[in-house]
Protein backbone atom coordinates (compact mmCIF):
# COMPACT_ATOMS: atom_id res chain seq x y z
CA UNK A 1 -41.38 19.11 -97.47
CA UNK A 2 -44.46 18.84 -95.26
CA UNK A 3 -46.42 21.58 -93.55
CA UNK A 4 -45.96 19.93 -90.17
CA UNK A 5 -42.19 19.99 -90.64
CA UNK A 6 -42.39 23.73 -91.26
CA UNK A 7 -44.52 24.14 -88.12
CA UNK A 8 -41.80 22.40 -86.08
CA UNK A 9 -39.05 24.40 -87.77
CA UNK A 10 -40.72 27.73 -87.01
CA UNK A 11 -41.35 26.67 -83.41
CA UNK A 12 -37.67 25.86 -82.87
CA UNK A 13 -36.56 29.01 -84.67
CA UNK A 14 -38.75 31.19 -82.45
CA UNK A 15 -38.05 29.45 -79.12
CA UNK A 16 -34.40 28.49 -79.87
CA UNK A 17 -35.05 25.39 -77.79
CA UNK A 18 -36.11 21.92 -78.97
CA UNK A 19 -37.93 20.94 -75.77
CA UNK A 20 -39.92 24.17 -75.52
CA UNK A 21 -40.68 23.97 -79.25
CA UNK A 22 -42.02 20.42 -78.79
CA UNK A 23 -44.25 21.59 -75.93
CA UNK A 24 -45.52 24.47 -78.05
CA UNK A 25 -46.27 22.14 -80.97
CA UNK A 26 -47.83 19.49 -78.68
CA UNK A 27 -45.49 16.76 -79.88
CA UNK A 28 -42.83 14.59 -78.25
CA UNK A 29 -39.37 16.14 -78.43
CA UNK A 30 -37.77 13.12 -80.18
CA UNK A 31 -40.43 13.22 -82.89
CA UNK A 32 -39.89 16.93 -83.42
CA UNK A 33 -36.13 16.47 -83.67
CA UNK A 34 -36.58 13.60 -86.13
CA UNK A 35 -38.83 15.73 -88.37
CA UNK A 36 -36.33 18.62 -88.30
CA UNK A 37 -33.51 16.26 -89.35
CA UNK A 38 -35.71 14.85 -92.11
CA UNK A 39 -36.36 18.40 -93.39
CA UNK A 40 -32.64 19.16 -93.32
CA UNK A 41 -31.87 16.01 -95.28
CA UNK A 42 -34.46 16.94 -97.88
CA UNK A 43 -33.04 20.44 -98.23
CA UNK A 44 -29.45 19.18 -98.18
CA UNK A 45 -28.24 21.52 -95.46
CA UNK A 46 -28.49 22.15 -91.73
CA UNK A 47 -31.00 24.71 -90.56
CA UNK A 48 -29.79 25.03 -86.98
CA UNK A 49 -26.38 25.29 -85.36
CA UNK A 50 -26.44 23.08 -82.27
CA UNK A 51 -22.95 23.82 -80.89
CA UNK A 52 -22.65 23.40 -77.10
CA UNK A 53 -26.40 23.32 -76.60
CA UNK A 54 -26.98 26.75 -78.11
CA UNK A 55 -29.59 26.68 -80.87
CA UNK A 56 -29.06 29.24 -83.62
CA UNK A 57 -30.27 29.53 -87.19
CA UNK A 58 -27.77 28.86 -89.94
CA UNK A 59 -27.75 31.03 -93.04
CA UNK A 60 -30.05 28.47 -94.69
CA UNK A 61 -32.34 28.59 -91.66
CA UNK A 62 -32.46 32.39 -91.78
CA UNK A 63 -33.44 32.21 -95.47
CA UNK A 64 -36.12 29.58 -94.86
CA UNK A 65 -37.78 31.22 -91.83
CA UNK A 66 -39.73 34.04 -93.60
CA UNK A 67 -40.70 31.65 -96.40
CA UNK A 68 -41.93 29.05 -93.91
CA UNK A 69 -43.98 31.66 -92.06
CA UNK A 70 -45.54 32.79 -95.33
CA UNK A 71 -46.34 29.22 -96.39
CA UNK A 72 -47.98 28.46 -93.05
CA UNK A 73 -49.95 31.71 -93.19
CA UNK A 74 -51.15 30.90 -96.72
CA UNK A 75 -52.15 27.40 -95.61
CA UNK A 76 -54.13 28.85 -92.72
CA UNK A 77 -55.82 31.32 -95.07
CA UNK A 78 -56.71 28.47 -97.43
CA UNK A 79 -58.30 26.53 -94.57
CA UNK A 80 -60.34 29.57 -93.55
CA UNK A 81 -61.46 30.23 -97.13
CA UNK A 82 -62.61 26.63 -97.58
CA UNK A 83 -64.35 26.67 -94.21
CA UNK A 84 -66.21 29.84 -95.15
CA UNK A 85 -67.37 28.24 -98.36
CA UNK A 86 -68.49 25.14 -96.50
CA UNK A 87 -70.45 27.30 -94.09
CA UNK A 88 -71.86 29.41 -96.96
CA UNK A 89 -70.31 32.63 -95.76
CA UNK A 90 -68.76 33.31 -99.14
CA UNK A 91 -68.89 31.94 -102.66
CA UNK A 92 -71.00 32.39 -105.76
CA UNK A 93 -73.92 30.89 -107.63
CA UNK A 94 -74.30 31.16 -111.41
CA UNK A 95 -77.95 30.83 -112.40
CA UNK A 96 -79.56 31.29 -115.79
CA UNK A 97 -83.21 32.08 -116.51
CA UNK A 98 -85.45 32.96 -119.41
CA UNK A 99 -86.38 36.68 -119.64
CA UNK A 100 -89.90 36.24 -118.27
CA UNK A 101 -88.62 34.23 -115.33
CA UNK A 102 -85.93 36.82 -114.64
CA UNK A 103 -88.77 39.32 -114.30
CA UNK A 104 -91.63 37.32 -112.83
CA UNK A 105 -90.08 34.73 -110.51
CA UNK A 106 -86.37 35.06 -109.91
CA UNK A 107 -86.32 38.39 -107.98
CA UNK A 108 -88.41 37.04 -105.10
CA UNK A 109 -86.40 33.82 -104.92
CA UNK A 110 -83.07 35.62 -104.95
CA UNK A 111 -84.29 38.02 -102.27
CA UNK A 112 -85.14 35.08 -99.99
CA UNK A 113 -81.78 33.46 -100.74
CA UNK A 114 -79.80 36.66 -100.18
CA UNK A 115 -81.45 37.18 -96.80
CA UNK A 116 -80.35 33.70 -95.75
CA UNK A 117 -76.88 33.75 -97.33
CA UNK A 118 -75.82 37.41 -97.70
CA UNK A 119 -72.19 36.50 -98.39
CA UNK A 120 -72.94 34.53 -101.57
CA UNK A 121 -72.44 36.42 -104.83
CA UNK A 122 -75.25 35.86 -107.35
CA UNK A 123 -74.48 35.86 -111.07
CA UNK A 124 -77.55 35.84 -113.34
CA UNK A 125 -77.49 34.96 -117.05
CA UNK A 126 -80.61 35.84 -119.07
CA UNK A 127 -81.33 33.90 -122.24
CA UNK A 128 -83.50 31.41 -124.09
CA UNK A 129 -83.70 27.79 -122.96
CA UNK A 130 -81.49 26.61 -125.82
CA UNK A 131 -78.75 29.06 -124.86
CA UNK A 132 -79.08 28.18 -121.17
CA UNK A 133 -78.73 24.45 -121.92
CA UNK A 134 -75.53 25.19 -123.78
CA UNK A 135 -74.21 27.25 -120.87
CA UNK A 136 -75.02 24.42 -118.46
CA UNK A 137 -73.26 21.88 -120.66
CA UNK A 138 -70.06 23.94 -120.77
CA UNK A 139 -70.06 24.48 -117.01
CA UNK A 140 -70.72 28.22 -117.27
CA UNK A 141 -73.89 27.90 -115.15
CA UNK A 142 -74.70 25.95 -111.99
CA UNK A 143 -78.49 26.04 -112.40
CA UNK A 144 -80.99 27.23 -115.00
CA UNK A 145 -84.68 28.08 -114.94
CA UNK A 146 -86.00 27.19 -118.37
CA UNK A 147 -88.87 25.77 -120.36
CA UNK A 148 -89.55 22.02 -120.49
CA UNK A 149 -89.36 19.75 -122.29
CA UNK A 150 -85.96 20.63 -123.66
CA UNK A 151 -85.88 20.89 -127.43
CA UNK A 152 -83.01 18.42 -127.58
CA UNK A 153 -82.70 15.56 -125.13
CA UNK A 154 -79.47 15.84 -123.17
CA UNK A 155 -78.84 12.87 -120.84
CA UNK A 156 -76.18 14.90 -119.01
CA UNK A 157 -78.86 17.29 -117.67
CA UNK A 158 -81.20 16.61 -114.78
CA UNK A 159 -84.49 18.55 -114.84
CA UNK A 160 -87.23 19.17 -112.28
CA UNK A 161 -90.70 20.43 -113.18
CA UNK A 162 -91.68 23.45 -111.09
CA UNK A 163 -94.67 25.33 -112.51
CA UNK A 164 -97.30 25.12 -115.20
CA UNK A 165 -97.89 28.57 -116.68
CA UNK A 166 -100.69 29.95 -118.82
CA UNK A 167 -99.90 32.05 -121.86
CA UNK A 168 -102.17 34.98 -122.71
CA UNK A 169 -102.72 37.42 -125.55
CA UNK A 170 -101.89 41.05 -124.86
CA UNK A 171 -103.09 44.06 -126.84
CA UNK A 172 -103.04 47.82 -126.44
CA UNK A 173 -105.49 48.98 -123.78
CA UNK A 174 -106.77 51.79 -126.01
CA UNK A 175 -107.37 49.57 -129.05
CA UNK A 176 -110.42 47.36 -129.69
CA UNK A 177 -110.19 43.98 -127.93
CA UNK A 178 -108.80 41.13 -130.05
CA UNK A 179 -112.18 39.28 -129.93
CA UNK A 180 -115.72 40.13 -128.88
CA UNK A 181 -115.80 37.55 -126.13
CA UNK A 182 -113.78 37.17 -122.95
CA UNK A 183 -111.42 34.56 -124.36
CA UNK A 184 -109.45 34.13 -127.54
CA UNK A 185 -108.67 31.02 -129.59
CA UNK A 186 -105.41 30.44 -131.39
CA UNK A 187 -107.40 30.48 -134.66
CA UNK A 188 -108.49 34.05 -133.86
CA UNK A 189 -104.88 35.14 -134.38
CA UNK A 190 -105.01 34.19 -138.07
CA UNK A 191 -104.42 37.34 -140.11
CA UNK A 192 -103.90 39.53 -137.05
CA UNK A 193 -100.60 41.46 -136.83
CA UNK A 194 -98.37 39.89 -134.20
CA UNK A 195 -95.41 41.32 -132.34
CA UNK A 196 -92.88 38.50 -132.27
CA UNK A 197 -89.85 37.90 -130.10
CA UNK A 198 -86.38 37.52 -131.56
CA UNK A 199 -85.10 34.14 -132.65
CA UNK A 200 -83.90 32.04 -129.76
CA UNK A 201 -86.82 32.99 -127.52
CA UNK A 202 -88.84 29.98 -126.41
CA UNK A 203 -92.03 32.01 -126.84
CA UNK A 204 -91.28 32.61 -130.50
CA UNK A 205 -91.05 28.89 -131.32
CA UNK A 206 -94.02 28.15 -129.08
CA UNK A 207 -96.28 30.77 -130.70
CA UNK A 208 -95.30 29.91 -134.26
CA UNK A 209 -95.82 26.22 -133.52
CA UNK A 210 -99.29 26.86 -132.06
CA UNK A 211 -100.31 28.89 -135.11
CA UNK A 212 -99.11 26.23 -137.51
CA UNK A 213 -100.90 23.55 -135.52
CA UNK A 214 -104.08 25.62 -135.98
CA UNK A 215 -103.47 25.63 -139.75
CA UNK A 216 -102.03 29.06 -140.52
CA UNK A 217 -98.78 31.01 -140.65
CA UNK A 218 -98.62 33.96 -138.26
CA UNK A 219 -98.57 37.49 -139.67
CA UNK A 220 -95.63 39.36 -138.15
CA UNK A 221 -95.93 43.11 -137.76
CA UNK A 222 -92.76 43.54 -135.70
CA UNK A 223 -90.18 40.92 -134.79
CA UNK A 224 -86.83 40.69 -133.09
CA UNK A 225 -87.61 42.25 -129.71
CA UNK A 226 -86.78 41.35 -126.12
CA UNK A 227 -89.55 41.02 -123.51
CA UNK A 228 -89.76 44.70 -122.55
CA UNK A 229 -89.55 45.76 -126.19
CA UNK A 230 -92.36 43.41 -127.24
CA UNK A 231 -94.63 44.70 -124.49
CA UNK A 232 -93.74 48.27 -125.46
CA UNK A 233 -94.61 47.60 -129.12
CA UNK A 234 -97.95 46.13 -128.03
CA UNK A 235 -98.67 49.19 -125.87
CA UNK A 236 -97.98 51.34 -128.93
CA UNK A 237 -100.68 49.45 -130.85
CA UNK A 238 -98.39 47.72 -133.34
CA UNK A 239 -99.98 44.31 -132.84
CA UNK A 240 -100.87 41.47 -130.51
CA UNK A 241 -98.42 39.23 -128.68
CA UNK A 242 -98.52 35.92 -126.85
CA UNK A 243 -96.72 36.29 -123.52
CA UNK A 244 -96.50 34.54 -120.14
CA UNK A 245 -99.23 35.50 -117.72
CA UNK A 246 -96.69 36.31 -114.99
CA UNK A 247 -95.34 39.31 -116.93
CA UNK A 248 -98.58 40.44 -118.59
CA UNK A 249 -100.12 41.86 -115.43
CA UNK A 250 -97.08 44.03 -114.76
CA UNK A 251 -97.88 46.51 -117.54
CA UNK A 252 -100.73 48.95 -117.03
CA UNK A 253 -101.22 50.02 -120.67
CA UNK A 254 -102.08 46.63 -122.13
CA UNK A 255 -105.19 44.46 -122.16
CA UNK A 256 -104.81 40.80 -121.15
CA UNK A 257 -107.05 38.23 -122.83
CA UNK A 258 -106.79 34.55 -121.80
CA UNK A 259 -107.06 31.69 -124.26
CA UNK A 260 -110.25 29.65 -124.48
CA UNK A 261 -110.54 26.12 -123.13
CA UNK A 262 -107.35 24.51 -121.91
CA UNK A 263 -105.50 27.37 -123.57
CA UNK A 264 -101.79 27.52 -124.19
CA UNK A 265 -99.58 26.39 -121.35
CA UNK A 266 -95.92 25.72 -120.83
CA UNK A 267 -93.89 24.00 -118.13
CA UNK A 268 -91.20 25.81 -116.18
CA UNK A 269 -88.40 23.68 -114.85
CA UNK A 270 -85.01 23.77 -113.16
CA UNK A 271 -81.99 22.11 -114.74
CA UNK A 272 -78.44 21.27 -113.71
CA UNK A 273 -75.72 18.95 -114.89
CA UNK A 274 -76.21 15.34 -113.87
CA UNK A 275 -72.55 14.37 -114.08
CA UNK A 276 -71.30 17.14 -111.79
CA UNK A 277 -72.88 17.83 -108.42
CA UNK A 278 -73.75 21.53 -108.09
CA UNK A 279 -71.69 23.37 -105.48
CA UNK A 280 -73.11 23.70 -101.99
CA UNK A 281 -74.23 27.30 -102.53
CA UNK A 282 -76.13 26.28 -105.69
CA UNK A 283 -77.77 23.35 -103.91
CA UNK A 284 -78.96 25.72 -101.22
CA UNK A 285 -80.40 28.05 -103.87
CA UNK A 286 -82.29 25.09 -105.32
CA UNK A 287 -83.64 24.33 -101.85
CA UNK A 288 -84.71 27.95 -101.30
CA UNK A 289 -86.45 27.98 -104.71
CA UNK A 290 -88.44 24.83 -103.95
CA UNK A 291 -89.36 26.06 -100.47
CA UNK A 292 -90.48 29.40 -101.90
CA UNK A 293 -92.68 27.74 -104.53
CA UNK A 294 -94.23 25.32 -102.03
CA UNK A 295 -95.02 28.16 -99.62
CA UNK A 296 -96.39 30.36 -102.41
CA UNK A 297 -98.59 27.51 -103.64
CA UNK A 298 -99.93 26.93 -100.12
CA UNK A 299 -100.66 30.62 -99.56
CA UNK A 300 -101.99 31.42 -103.03
CA UNK A 301 -99.16 33.81 -103.86
CA UNK A 302 -97.66 32.11 -106.90
CA UNK A 303 -97.03 34.35 -109.93
CA UNK A 304 -100.27 35.08 -111.84
CA UNK A 305 -101.44 32.28 -114.11
CA UNK A 306 -99.14 29.61 -112.66
CA UNK A 307 -99.71 26.48 -110.61
CA UNK A 308 -97.26 24.28 -108.79
CA UNK A 309 -96.28 20.95 -110.32
CA UNK A 310 -93.57 18.48 -109.50
CA UNK A 311 -92.19 17.88 -106.03
CA UNK A 312 -89.24 18.82 -103.90
CA UNK A 313 -88.46 15.14 -103.43
CA UNK A 314 -85.04 14.20 -104.60
CA UNK A 315 -83.57 17.64 -104.06
CA UNK A 316 -79.86 17.36 -103.41
CA UNK A 317 -78.62 18.05 -99.91
């Protein structure tokens, strides 16, 4: 049973005339009649009574007519739904991001995207890079903003470098500064109480690794917090913390001290599955993100402590 056969059947049923039905369907009358007979053969019964030139529905035709109308209506709805997705009127994008990027970068990007595509539903997953990679691999996310390089090489993921970000030390504004000078070294954190993120946070592994590279184990005063909790513990004077510069300036009750020399930096990137092309709505979000970063870099409005790296070349259409 073909949709076009149902179109012809409904046309004949509503006009009760093969010639007028053919004109309505923009098809030659012999072709229409042939398709009706083919449908009847497939169903094993006649759909029309053709006695003495009068066209009437048989019992089988009466039973088929409302079903045929419903099928054709559903097919038309399906075409419209697909067309709306193609034209980005509706749909969804599932994007993951680390907590600091959810706070410091993603809101502005999503605002620009929503203005351009207000019909697209945005689903945001917050987590560490390791968790986001797993979500990408299982198809639960279309895109992810995370920290590069990935801790485990996954050839199924394509990554694009976006920003280089400075990490800073934050301390309570009412407490003595962590060092006498304007900048702090990693070695200056030796023996100082640190507020540490929960396991799974990229910043936790990064900070612990930097301390060990400097020859000491960090002293943890409080551990296990999320981003807002860590900053709150620092404000309360419980210890120092190493955080991204883009979130440090958002809190008024903490002191921000940069690292000396080249300091501690990390690379922010965008990832998606290489073996599956992201849906059109996700590809447009990627485009909006790159355009936003390029414009912000040109106008000096990138998040604090970040600089643009990488290129928009090779972005999927």
